[in-house]
Amino acid sequence: MKDIILKAENISKQYRLGLVGTGTLKHDLNRWWHRVRGKEDPFLKVGSVNDRSTKADSDYVWALRDINFEVRRGEVLGIIGKNGAGKSTLLKILSRVTSPTTGEIKTKGRIASLLEVGTGFHPELTGRENIYLNGAILGMTKTEIKAKELEIIEFSGCERYIDTPVKRYSSGMRVRLAFAVAAHLEPDILVIDEVLAVGDAEFQKKAIGKMQDISRGEGRTVLFVSHNMAAVKSLCTRAIVLEYGKTVFEGKTDEAVDFYLQTNQYEGFKKEYINNALEGSGIETLQLLDEKGVNRAEFGFDEVISIKIKLKIHENNSKSFLGFRVIDRKDRIVFTSELDIASISDKIGTYDLNVNLPHRFLTPNGYFLTFALHIPNVIMIDYIENCLTFEIVETGSSMHKYAGVDYGCVVVDCHWSILN
C-alpha cells in the first residue's frame, strides 16, 4: 500500500447541458436545502449516459460514472477510449482543474499537468518568462526553476525564440515548451492529455523517451491519454479503457489495446456485407475476421486479417473467377487477387471460402475492398464496389519508428544478401 501514489474512489462528474451551473434558482435552492439537511443531491438521481452521438433525453449528463483505480509509484497508466468517453474530464479532475460531483481523489506529492496546448501560458510573456510562470504554478521556487532553465530550453528546441512572446509561437512550439517545463520540474505525477499529437514525429519520439526516463529511471508516475496506440503500448505499463464515462476494461496494456480495437471501432467502417436478395450466382456474404474469428474492421499492423466468403455458383457459371481488389484512401489500387473456381471444384451450389490478406504487408492506413465474380472477357456475374472497409493502425510494431512519415501502401520483405 505504501507504493500507491494516486487513488480514485467512486469518481463521477455530472454536467447540465447547455448551461453554466444548474441553470435555475429553483434547482440551486433545492440542492442547497438537501445539503443543509444532510441529504443526497436530488439531481444525482437523474442524468443520461454521455453518448455524444445521440439526442439528449435529460438536462443532465454523466461525463464520468463511478470510476475507481489505483496507480503505484513509477507506473505509467494509459487511459484510452473514443472521443467523448470521459478521458479529458478524468484528467482535469485528477489535476484539480475541476472537482468531481461525487467521489474522492487521494494523491501523494506534486502533480504537473499538460492538458492542452499552451496550458498555463500567458501569450504576452516570452517563452523564458512562461517557464518561470509555469514553474511557480507547479509549486517550484525560483531557485529550483533556474537550476533547470537551460535544460528545459535545450530539450524544447525553441532556444532561438525563447525571448519572443509565446503568442508568436506555432502550436507545435508551444507544446514543445509546455512539455519541457512539465517534464523537467520534477513532478511526482505527470498528467498528459493527447497534446503530443501536435508535435512533429521527432519531438514525439523525444517526449516518449523522456517519459520513459521519468517513470523507469526516476520512479515518477505518468498518466497518459492518447489515441496513438503505438505510443500507449511502448510507454504504458497498464491501461484502462473508458466508454460513455465508465470503465469497461482495466489490465495489461496489450490486452487493453486489443479490447479497444475490437469494441471501439469507427461506425463508418463496413466489416460485413450481406445480400439476402441474391437469386442467381454471386456473393452472398463477406466478413472481415481476425485470427480469433472475431468480426472486426480495425486491426493492428501485426495482426492476421482474413475474409470469409459465402459464394453461390449456379449452372453455366462453374468456370468463373472470384477476385478482389484492395484500394487505399487515395483511390490507388494496392493489389488484386483472384481465384479460379474451377481449380478447386466443378460443382454447382454454395461455397464457404476463406482468404488471408498478406501478413505484415499493408501499412497503417484505411482500405477498401471491391469484389467481383466474372468469366473473363465474357460476363460480369456480380460486382460489389467498396463492399468492405477497414483500417490498419500502428500498435507498436517495427513500423513505429516511421511515425508521421508517408511510407506508401505496402511493406515488402525483400531478400537481401552481401556480395563482398
Protein backbone atom coordinates (compact mmCIF):
# COMPACT_ATOMS: atom_id res chain seq x y z
CA MET A 1 0.00 0.00 0.00
CA LYS A 2 2.98 2.35 0.54
CA ASP A 3 3.58 2.36 -3.23
CA ILE A 4 0.11 3.76 -4.03
CA ILE A 5 0.66 7.37 -5.09
CA LEU A 6 -2.81 8.09 -6.52
CA LYS A 7 -6.19 6.59 -5.71
CA ALA A 8 -9.53 7.41 -7.36
CA GLU A 9 -12.61 6.33 -5.40
CA ASN A 10 -16.09 6.39 -6.96
CA ILE A 11 -15.32 9.40 -9.17
CA SER A 12 -18.35 10.78 -11.01
CA LYS A 13 -18.88 14.07 -12.83
CA GLN A 14 -22.28 15.43 -13.83
CA TYR A 15 -22.96 18.38 -16.12
CA ARG A 16 -26.12 20.28 -17.02
CA LEU A 17 -26.35 20.52 -20.80
CA GLY A 18 -26.25 23.94 -22.41
CA LEU A 19 -25.93 25.99 -19.21
CA VAL A 20 -23.40 27.00 -16.58
CA GLY A 21 -24.43 25.70 -13.15
CA THR A 22 -27.89 24.25 -12.69
CA GLY A 23 -29.45 26.99 -14.78
CA THR A 24 -32.34 27.86 -12.46
CA LEU A 25 -32.67 29.41 -8.99
CA LYS A 26 -35.22 26.71 -8.11
CA HIS A 27 -32.65 23.95 -8.74
CA ASP A 28 -29.98 25.81 -6.74
CA LEU A 29 -32.31 26.27 -3.76
CA ASN A 30 -33.42 22.64 -3.97
CA ARG A 31 -29.81 21.44 -3.87
CA TRP A 32 -28.95 23.83 -1.02
CA TRP A 33 -31.93 22.64 1.07
CA HIS A 34 -30.96 18.99 0.62
CA ARG A 35 -27.35 19.78 1.52
CA VAL A 36 -28.39 21.64 4.71
CA ARG A 37 -30.44 18.61 5.82
CA GLY A 38 -27.54 16.26 5.07
CA LYS A 39 -29.40 14.54 2.24
CA GLU A 40 -28.18 13.47 -1.21
CA ASP A 41 -28.30 15.95 -4.08
CA PRO A 42 -31.65 15.15 -5.79
CA PHE A 43 -30.22 15.77 -9.25
CA LEU A 44 -27.66 12.99 -8.86
CA LYS A 45 -30.53 10.53 -9.32
CA VAL A 46 -31.14 11.78 -12.87
CA GLY A 47 -28.97 12.13 -15.92
CA SER A 48 -28.35 10.27 -19.14
CA VAL A 49 -25.35 8.32 -20.41
CA ASN A 50 -22.73 10.53 -22.09
CA ASP A 51 -23.21 9.36 -25.68
CA ARG A 52 -22.33 12.38 -27.85
CA SER A 53 -23.89 10.83 -30.98
CA THR A 54 -27.45 10.53 -29.61
CA LYS A 55 -30.08 13.11 -28.76
CA ALA A 56 -30.22 14.00 -25.06
CA ASP A 57 -33.20 12.67 -23.08
CA SER A 58 -32.29 14.59 -19.91
CA ASP A 59 -30.98 18.05 -18.95
CA TYR A 60 -28.19 16.31 -17.03
CA VAL A 61 -25.44 14.08 -18.35
CA TRP A 62 -22.84 11.93 -16.58
CA ALA A 63 -19.43 12.65 -18.11
CA LEU A 64 -17.96 10.09 -15.65
CA ARG A 65 -19.68 7.50 -13.51
CA ASP A 66 -18.16 5.50 -10.63
CA ILE A 67 -14.52 5.45 -11.74
CA ASN A 68 -12.19 3.50 -9.41
CA PHE A 69 -8.49 2.77 -9.84
CA GLU A 70 -5.11 2.95 -8.11
CA VAL A 71 -1.73 3.96 -9.51
CA ARG A 72 1.58 2.90 -7.99
CA ARG A 73 4.73 4.99 -7.84
CA GLY A 74 6.75 4.70 -11.07
CA GLU A 75 3.80 3.28 -13.03
CA VAL A 76 2.67 4.65 -16.40
CA LEU A 77 -1.10 4.35 -16.70
CA GLY A 78 -2.65 4.68 -20.16
CA ILE A 79 -6.22 5.97 -20.44
CA ILE A 80 -7.81 5.19 -23.82
CA GLY A 81 -11.26 5.43 -25.36
CA LYS A 82 -13.25 7.14 -28.10
CA ASN A 83 -13.80 10.90 -28.25
CA GLY A 84 -16.28 11.84 -25.54
CA ALA A 85 -15.53 8.79 -23.39
CA GLY A 86 -14.52 10.99 -20.44
CA LYS A 87 -10.73 10.81 -20.64
CA SER A 88 -10.01 14.54 -20.53
CA THR A 89 -12.63 15.11 -17.82
CA LEU A 90 -10.95 12.46 -15.68
CA LEU A 91 -7.53 14.08 -16.12
CA LYS A 92 -8.93 17.51 -15.24
CA ILE A 93 -10.32 16.07 -12.01
CA LEU A 94 -7.01 14.36 -11.23
CA SER A 95 -5.19 17.65 -11.90
CA ARG A 96 -7.58 19.62 -9.63
CA VAL A 97 -8.72 21.75 -12.58
CA THR A 98 -12.31 20.77 -11.80
CA SER A 99 -13.85 18.94 -8.88
CA PRO A 100 -15.79 15.66 -9.06
CA THR A 101 -19.52 15.63 -8.43
CA THR A 102 -19.07 12.58 -6.23
CA GLY A 103 -16.04 10.63 -5.10
CA GLU A 104 -12.56 11.46 -3.89
CA ILE A 105 -9.02 11.68 -5.27
CA LYS A 106 -6.14 10.85 -2.92
CA THR A 107 -2.61 11.73 -4.05
CA LYS A 108 0.89 11.98 -2.65
CA GLY A 109 3.28 14.61 -3.96
CA ARG A 110 3.27 17.28 -6.66
CA ILE A 111 1.13 16.92 -9.82
CA ALA A 112 2.13 18.54 -13.13
CA SER A 113 -0.48 18.69 -15.90
CA LEU A 114 -0.25 19.10 -19.64
CA LEU A 115 -3.90 19.03 -20.66
CA GLU A 116 -3.86 21.06 -23.87
CA VAL A 117 -1.53 23.16 -25.99
CA GLY A 118 -0.26 26.17 -24.05
CA THR A 119 -1.96 25.30 -20.76
CA GLY A 120 -0.93 27.92 -18.19
CA PHE A 121 0.98 30.01 -20.74
CA HIS A 122 0.47 33.77 -20.96
CA PRO A 123 0.58 34.78 -24.64
CA GLU A 124 2.15 38.20 -23.95
CA LEU A 125 5.04 36.75 -21.94
CA THR A 126 8.16 35.32 -23.55
CA GLY A 127 8.98 31.62 -23.53
CA ARG A 128 11.55 32.16 -20.77
CA GLU A 129 9.08 34.12 -18.61
CA ASN A 130 6.47 31.40 -19.12
CA ILE A 131 8.95 28.79 -17.86
CA TYR A 132 9.10 30.67 -14.55
CA LEU A 133 5.32 31.24 -14.54
CA ASN A 134 4.60 27.55 -15.11
CA GLY A 135 7.15 26.54 -12.52
CA ALA A 136 5.54 28.82 -9.95
CA ILE A 137 2.11 27.35 -10.74
CA LEU A 138 3.57 23.89 -10.15
CA GLY A 139 4.86 24.99 -6.75
CA MET A 140 8.56 25.37 -7.63
CA THR A 141 10.79 28.04 -6.15
CA LYS A 142 12.66 30.46 -8.40
CA THR A 143 15.94 28.79 -7.45
CA GLU A 144 14.62 25.35 -8.44
CA ILE A 145 13.35 26.65 -11.78
CA LYS A 146 16.61 28.48 -12.55
CA ALA A 147 18.58 25.26 -11.97
CA LYS A 148 16.52 23.55 -14.70
CA GLU A 149 16.14 26.51 -17.08
CA LEU A 150 18.89 25.68 -19.58
CA GLU A 151 17.93 22.00 -19.65
CA ILE A 152 14.29 22.91 -20.36
CA ILE A 153 15.21 25.31 -23.19
CA GLU A 154 17.56 22.78 -24.80
CA PHE A 155 15.00 19.97 -24.65
CA SER A 156 12.23 22.13 -26.14
CA GLY A 157 14.31 23.03 -29.19
CA CYS A 158 12.99 26.61 -29.05
CA GLU A 159 16.22 28.36 -28.00
CA ARG A 160 16.14 30.89 -30.86
CA TYR A 161 12.65 32.07 -29.86
CA ILE A 162 12.91 31.72 -26.07
CA ASP A 163 12.80 35.52 -25.53
CA THR A 164 9.95 36.00 -28.03
CA PRO A 165 6.32 36.32 -26.77
CA VAL A 166 4.54 32.97 -26.83
CA LYS A 167 1.66 34.42 -28.89
CA ARG A 168 4.03 34.27 -31.88
CA TYR A 169 4.80 30.56 -31.37
CA SER A 170 3.26 27.86 -33.53
CA SER A 171 1.12 25.24 -31.77
CA GLY A 172 3.99 22.77 -32.12
CA MET A 173 6.47 25.16 -30.47
CA ARG A 174 4.05 25.79 -27.60
CA VAL A 175 3.58 22.12 -26.89
CA ARG A 176 7.34 21.56 -27.05
CA LEU A 177 7.97 24.22 -24.42
CA ALA A 178 5.00 23.22 -22.27
CA PHE A 179 6.06 19.57 -22.22
CA ALA A 180 9.67 20.51 -21.47
CA VAL A 181 8.57 22.56 -18.45
CA ALA A 182 6.18 19.90 -17.10
CA ALA A 183 8.69 17.07 -17.55
CA HIS A 184 11.75 18.80 -16.09
CA LEU A 185 10.29 20.42 -12.98
CA GLU A 186 10.31 17.06 -11.19
CA PRO A 187 6.61 16.38 -10.51
CA ASP A 188 5.73 13.21 -8.61
CA ILE A 189 2.81 12.67 -11.00
CA LEU A 190 2.83 13.87 -14.63
CA VAL A 191 -0.59 14.09 -16.31
CA ILE A 192 -0.56 14.27 -20.13
CA ASP A 193 -3.59 14.56 -22.42
CA GLU A 194 -3.15 13.93 -26.19
CA VAL A 195 -1.02 17.05 -26.63
CA LEU A 196 1.87 15.16 -28.18
CA ALA A 197 -0.23 14.69 -31.33
CA VAL A 198 0.50 18.36 -32.11
CA GLY A 199 4.27 17.90 -32.15
CA ASP A 200 6.21 16.52 -35.09
CA ALA A 201 7.43 12.90 -35.27
CA GLU A 202 10.91 13.77 -33.99
CA PHE A 203 9.53 15.52 -30.90
CA GLN A 204 7.02 12.73 -30.20
CA LYS A 205 9.88 10.21 -30.03
CA LYS A 206 11.88 12.57 -27.83
CA ALA A 207 8.90 13.15 -25.50
CA ILE A 208 8.12 9.43 -25.20
CA GLY A 209 11.78 8.78 -24.39
CA LYS A 210 11.67 11.45 -21.68
CA MET A 211 8.50 9.96 -20.18
CA GLN A 212 10.17 6.54 -20.08
CA ASP A 213 13.15 8.10 -18.27
CA ILE A 214 10.80 9.83 -15.81
CA SER A 215 8.93 6.63 -14.96
CA ARG A 216 11.64 3.96 -15.16
CA GLY A 217 14.75 5.93 -14.25
CA GLU A 218 13.39 8.47 -11.76
CA GLY A 219 10.49 6.39 -10.41
CA ARG A 220 7.86 9.02 -11.13
CA THR A 221 4.27 8.33 -12.15
CA VAL A 222 2.72 9.24 -15.52
CA LEU A 223 -0.96 9.28 -16.54
CA PHE A 224 -1.13 9.29 -20.32
CA VAL A 225 -4.16 9.83 -22.58
CA SER A 226 -3.64 9.20 -26.29
CA HIS A 227 -5.28 7.83 -29.42
CA ASN A 228 -1.85 6.71 -30.61
CA MET A 229 -1.92 3.02 -29.74
CA ALA A 230 1.78 2.59 -30.57
CA ALA A 231 2.71 5.25 -28.01
CA VAL A 232 0.41 3.68 -25.43
CA LYS A 233 1.90 0.22 -25.96
CA SER A 234 5.51 1.40 -25.89
CA LEU A 235 5.10 3.65 -22.86
CA CYS A 236 2.37 2.36 -20.56
CA THR A 237 2.71 -0.46 -18.04
CA ARG A 238 -1.06 -0.72 -17.57
CA ALA A 239 -4.16 0.81 -19.17
CA ILE A 240 -7.84 1.44 -18.60
CA VAL A 241 -10.49 1.78 -21.33
CA LEU A 242 -13.33 4.28 -20.88
CA GLU A 243 -16.64 4.16 -22.72
CA TYR A 244 -19.51 6.60 -22.14
CA GLY A 245 -17.90 7.74 -18.88
CA LYS A 246 -17.47 4.27 -17.39
CA THR A 247 -14.50 1.93 -17.03
CA VAL A 248 -15.09 -1.05 -19.32
CA PHE A 249 -11.63 -2.62 -19.08
CA GLU A 250 -8.59 -2.40 -16.81
CA GLY A 251 -5.48 -4.52 -17.19
CA LYS A 252 -2.29 -5.09 -19.16
CA THR A 253 -1.60 -2.59 -21.93
CA ASP A 254 -1.61 -5.12 -24.80
CA GLU A 255 -4.94 -6.56 -23.66
CA ALA A 256 -6.43 -3.08 -23.21
CA VAL A 257 -5.40 -2.02 -26.72
CA ASP A 258 -6.85 -5.23 -28.20
CA PHE A 259 -10.10 -4.63 -26.29
CA TYR A 260 -10.24 -1.03 -27.53
CA LEU A 261 -9.66 -2.00 -31.16
CA GLN A 262 -12.36 -4.68 -31.01
CA THR A 263 -15.06 -2.71 -29.21
CA ASN A 264 -14.46 0.95 -30.08
CA GLN A 265 -14.37 0.85 -33.84
CA TYR A 266 -15.40 3.65 -36.13
CA GLU A 267 -19.02 3.05 -37.10
CA GLY A 268 -18.35 4.12 -40.70
CA PHE A 269 -16.24 1.04 -41.45
CA LYS A 270 -18.04 -1.84 -43.18
CA LYS A 271 -16.80 -5.09 -41.66
CA GLU A 272 -19.60 -7.21 -43.17
CA TYR A 273 -21.58 -7.46 -46.40
CA ILE A 274 -24.86 -9.40 -46.76
CA ASN A 275 -27.01 -9.85 -49.86
CA ASN A 276 -30.20 -11.56 -48.73
CA ALA A 277 -31.85 -10.97 -52.11
CA LEU A 278 -29.30 -12.97 -54.12
CA GLU A 279 -31.08 -15.23 -56.62
CA GLY A 280 -28.52 -16.42 -59.15
CA SER A 281 -24.74 -16.80 -58.92
CA GLY A 282 -22.93 -14.28 -56.79
CA ILE A 283 -21.51 -13.29 -53.42
CA GLU A 284 -23.98 -13.79 -50.59
CA THR A 285 -21.90 -12.71 -47.56
CA LEU A 286 -18.47 -11.26 -46.77
CA GLN A 287 -16.88 -10.88 -43.35
CA LEU A 288 -13.59 -9.40 -42.13
CA LEU A 289 -12.19 -11.56 -39.31
CA ASP A 290 -9.19 -11.55 -37.01
CA GLU A 291 -7.23 -14.69 -36.15
CA LYS A 292 -9.71 -15.48 -33.35
CA GLY A 293 -12.62 -15.36 -35.76
CA VAL A 294 -13.98 -12.05 -34.43
CA ASN A 295 -15.74 -9.84 -37.00
CA ARG A 296 -13.80 -6.53 -36.97
CA ALA A 297 -12.87 -3.56 -39.14
CA GLU A 298 -9.84 -2.25 -37.26
CA PHE A 299 -6.59 -4.20 -36.97
CA GLY A 300 -3.05 -3.77 -35.73
CA PHE A 301 -0.20 -3.91 -38.26
CA ASP A 302 0.99 -7.26 -36.85
CA GLU A 303 -2.44 -8.93 -36.93
CA VAL A 304 -3.67 -11.58 -39.35
CA ILE A 305 -6.67 -10.40 -41.42
CA SER A 306 -8.89 -12.90 -43.18
CA ILE A 307 -12.03 -12.64 -45.30
CA LYS A 308 -14.80 -15.22 -45.03
CA ILE A 309 -16.85 -15.54 -48.21
CA LYS A 310 -20.15 -17.30 -48.92
CA LEU A 311 -20.44 -17.79 -52.66
CA LYS A 312 -23.26 -19.19 -54.78
CA ILE A 313 -22.48 -20.75 -58.16
CA HIS A 314 -25.34 -21.69 -60.45
CA GLU A 315 -25.39 -23.51 -63.75
CA ASN A 316 -23.20 -22.13 -66.57
CA ASN A 317 -21.01 -20.22 -64.08
CA SER A 318 -18.75 -23.02 -62.85
CA LYS A 319 -15.82 -21.65 -64.89
CA SER A 320 -15.97 -18.25 -63.27
CA PHE A 321 -13.29 -16.40 -61.33
CA LEU A 322 -13.70 -14.70 -57.95
CA GLY A 323 -11.40 -11.73 -57.40
CA PHE A 324 -10.97 -8.79 -55.07
CA ARG A 325 -9.07 -5.54 -55.20
CA VAL A 326 -7.54 -3.62 -52.26
CA ILE A 327 -7.74 0.18 -52.65
CA ASP A 328 -6.29 2.81 -50.30
CA ARG A 329 -7.80 6.15 -49.26
CA LYS A 330 -6.20 7.92 -52.21
CA ASP A 331 -8.03 5.56 -54.60
CA ARG A 332 -4.80 3.78 -55.51
CA ILE A 333 -5.12 0.07 -56.29
CA VAL A 334 -2.70 -1.65 -53.91
CA PHE A 335 -3.05 -5.19 -55.25
CA THR A 336 -5.51 -7.64 -56.81
CA SER A 337 -6.04 -11.32 -56.06
CA GLU A 338 -8.13 -13.87 -57.95
CA LEU A 339 -9.34 -17.46 -57.56
CA ASP A 340 -10.26 -19.80 -60.43
CA ILE A 341 -13.37 -21.55 -59.12
CA ALA A 342 -12.78 -24.48 -61.47
CA SER A 343 -9.37 -25.06 -59.84
CA ILE A 344 -10.98 -26.05 -56.53
CA SER A 345 -14.23 -27.66 -57.69
CA ASP A 346 -16.58 -28.00 -60.66
CA LYS A 347 -19.73 -28.45 -58.61
CA ILE A 348 -22.71 -26.12 -58.66
CA GLY A 349 -24.00 -24.83 -55.33
CA THR A 350 -22.75 -22.87 -52.29
CA TYR A 351 -19.09 -22.43 -51.32
CA ASP A 352 -17.69 -21.25 -47.98
CA LEU A 353 -14.29 -19.75 -48.72
CA ASN A 354 -11.58 -18.07 -46.69
CA VAL A 355 -8.70 -15.90 -47.87
CA ASN A 356 -5.97 -14.30 -45.75
CA LEU A 357 -4.53 -10.92 -46.64
CA PRO A 358 -0.71 -10.89 -46.76
CA HIS A 359 0.63 -10.66 -43.21
CA ARG A 360 2.55 -7.51 -42.16
CA PHE A 361 2.12 -6.22 -45.69
CA LEU A 362 -0.37 -3.33 -45.71
CA THR A 363 0.94 -0.22 -43.94
CA PRO A 364 -1.15 1.61 -41.30
CA ASN A 365 -3.90 3.29 -43.34
CA GLY A 366 -7.54 2.93 -44.34
CA TYR A 367 -8.52 0.49 -47.13
CA PHE A 368 -11.49 -0.51 -49.30
CA LEU A 369 -12.26 -3.91 -50.81
CA THR A 370 -14.06 -4.40 -54.10
CA PHE A 371 -15.18 -7.94 -55.09
CA ALA A 372 -16.14 -9.35 -58.47
CA LEU A 373 -17.35 -12.72 -59.78
CA HIS A 374 -16.83 -12.96 -63.53
CA ILE A 375 -15.93 -15.08 -66.54
CA PRO A 376 -13.00 -13.18 -68.08
CA ASN A 377 -13.88 -11.30 -71.25
CA VAL A 378 -17.35 -12.91 -71.28
CA ILE A 379 -19.62 -11.72 -68.45
CA MET A 380 -19.56 -9.86 -65.13
CA ILE A 381 -21.74 -12.01 -62.87
CA ASP A 382 -21.51 -9.99 -59.64
CA TYR A 383 -19.64 -6.77 -58.85
CA ILE A 384 -19.65 -5.12 -55.39
CA GLU A 385 -17.66 -1.90 -55.13
CA ASN A 386 -16.19 -0.82 -51.76
CA CYS A 387 -18.24 -3.50 -50.02
CA LEU A 388 -15.81 -3.80 -47.08
CA THR A 389 -13.75 -1.04 -45.48
CA PHE A 390 -11.17 -1.39 -42.74
CA GLU A 391 -8.23 0.31 -41.09
CA ILE A 392 -4.81 -0.86 -40.03
CA VAL A 393 -3.40 1.05 -37.05
CA GLU A 394 0.11 1.10 -35.64
CA THR A 395 0.19 -0.67 -32.27
CA GLY A 396 3.90 -0.82 -31.53
CA SER A 397 5.42 -2.90 -34.33
CA SER A 398 8.68 -2.16 -36.14
CA MET A 399 6.74 0.41 -38.19
CA HIS A 400 6.51 2.67 -35.13
CA LYS A 401 9.90 4.24 -35.86
CA TYR A 402 8.43 5.75 -39.05
CA ALA A 403 5.56 7.50 -37.22
CA GLY A 404 4.32 10.54 -39.14
CA VAL A 405 6.07 9.51 -42.36
CA ASP A 406 4.26 8.51 -45.55
CA TYR A 407 5.72 5.05 -46.21
CA GLY A 408 3.40 4.12 -49.05
CA CYS A 409 0.86 1.30 -49.16
CA VAL A 410 2.85 -1.87 -48.57
CA VAL A 411 5.91 -3.18 -46.76
CA VAL A 412 7.72 -5.86 -48.75
CA ASP A 413 10.11 -8.32 -47.12
CA CYS A 414 12.70 -8.43 -49.91
CA HIS A 415 15.64 -10.84 -49.97
CA TRP A 416 18.90 -9.09 -49.02
CA SER A 417 22.39 -10.51 -49.46
CA ILE A 418 26.02 -9.38 -49.11
CA LEU A 419 28.05 -9.51 -52.34
CA ASN A 420 31.52 -8.98 -50.89
